[in-house]
Amino acid sequence: MSQKIQVVLATDLYEERLEGDEPEPIRVDRINLRELSNLAQNAQFSEGRALAALYLTRDLLTQRGLFQP
């Protein structure tokens, strides 16, 4: 496995449009971390690295006491 991704866990974000922003809006997909197993079985979600990042995020938030599965 030679492919790598970087995962950034950002908090306290809010939507704001500023001068110099790209003209296209950013697409936001909200994922319910309690439904990861359903997402993993969804044929439309086929990016394994993104799914692994979501599981790692869920585990990190659980360890920090910010999420209860």
Protein backbone atom coordinates (compact mmCIF):
# COMPACT_ATOMS: atom_id res chain seq x y z
CA MET A 1 0.00 0.00 0.00
CA SER A 2 1.83 3.07 -1.22
CA GLN A 3 -0.97 5.61 -1.37
CA LYS A 4 -1.32 8.11 1.45
CA ILE A 5 -3.92 10.64 2.45
CA GLN A 6 -3.91 13.41 5.00
CA VAL A 7 -6.82 13.76 7.37
CA VAL A 8 -7.52 17.06 9.08
CA LEU A 9 -9.99 17.16 11.95
CA ALA A 10 -11.15 20.77 12.15
CA THR A 11 -13.51 22.10 14.79
CA ASP A 12 -15.50 25.29 15.34
CA LEU A 13 -15.93 25.87 11.61
CA TYR A 14 -18.56 28.15 10.18
CA GLU A 15 -19.68 29.14 6.71
CA GLU A 16 -18.47 32.50 5.44
CA ARG A 17 -17.75 33.84 1.97
CA LEU A 18 -14.65 36.03 1.68
CA GLU A 19 -13.03 38.00 -1.11
CA GLY A 20 -10.73 35.76 -3.13
CA ASP A 21 -12.71 32.59 -2.47
CA GLU A 22 -13.23 30.16 -5.31
CA PRO A 23 -16.42 30.91 -7.27
CA GLU A 24 -17.75 27.37 -6.86
CA PRO A 25 -19.31 26.53 -3.51
CA ILE A 26 -17.68 23.74 -1.52
CA ARG A 27 -19.77 20.60 -1.37
CA VAL A 28 -20.41 19.46 2.18
CA ASP A 29 -21.47 15.87 2.86
CA ARG A 30 -22.59 15.24 6.41
CA ILE A 31 -21.90 11.71 7.66
CA ASN A 32 -23.57 10.23 10.72
CA LEU A 33 -20.73 8.37 12.44
CA ARG A 34 -23.24 5.99 14.02
CA GLU A 35 -24.09 4.73 10.53
CA LEU A 36 -20.58 3.89 9.31
CA SER A 37 -21.33 0.20 8.86
CA ASN A 38 -24.25 1.10 6.57
CA LEU A 39 -22.03 3.49 4.64
CA ALA A 40 -19.36 0.80 4.24
CA GLN A 41 -21.92 -1.47 2.58
CA ASN A 42 -23.24 1.24 0.24
CA ALA A 43 -22.04 0.57 -3.31
CA GLN A 44 -22.03 4.32 -4.07
CA PHE A 45 -19.40 4.92 -1.38
CA SER A 46 -16.40 3.08 -2.76
CA GLU A 47 -13.45 5.13 -1.47
CA GLY A 48 -11.77 2.90 1.11
CA ARG A 49 -9.29 5.51 2.34
CA ALA A 50 -12.09 7.98 3.09
CA LEU A 51 -14.01 5.27 4.94
CA ALA A 52 -10.92 4.38 6.97
CA ALA A 53 -10.46 8.08 7.82
CA LEU A 54 -14.07 8.24 9.05
CA TYR A 55 -13.54 5.21 11.30
CA LEU A 56 -10.32 6.72 12.68
CA THR A 57 -12.13 10.01 13.29
CA ARG A 58 -14.94 8.22 15.10
CA ASP A 59 -12.43 6.40 17.31
CA LEU A 60 -10.49 9.58 18.09
CA LEU A 61 -13.65 11.50 19.00
CA THR A 62 -14.76 8.59 21.19
CA GLN A 63 -11.39 8.56 23.00
CA ARG A 64 -11.69 12.30 23.62
CA GLY A 65 -15.19 11.86 25.03
CA LEU A 66 -16.75 13.89 22.21
CA PHE A 67 -18.69 11.03 20.64
CA GLN A 68 -20.55 8.04 22.01
CA PRO A 69 -21.19 5.27 19.46
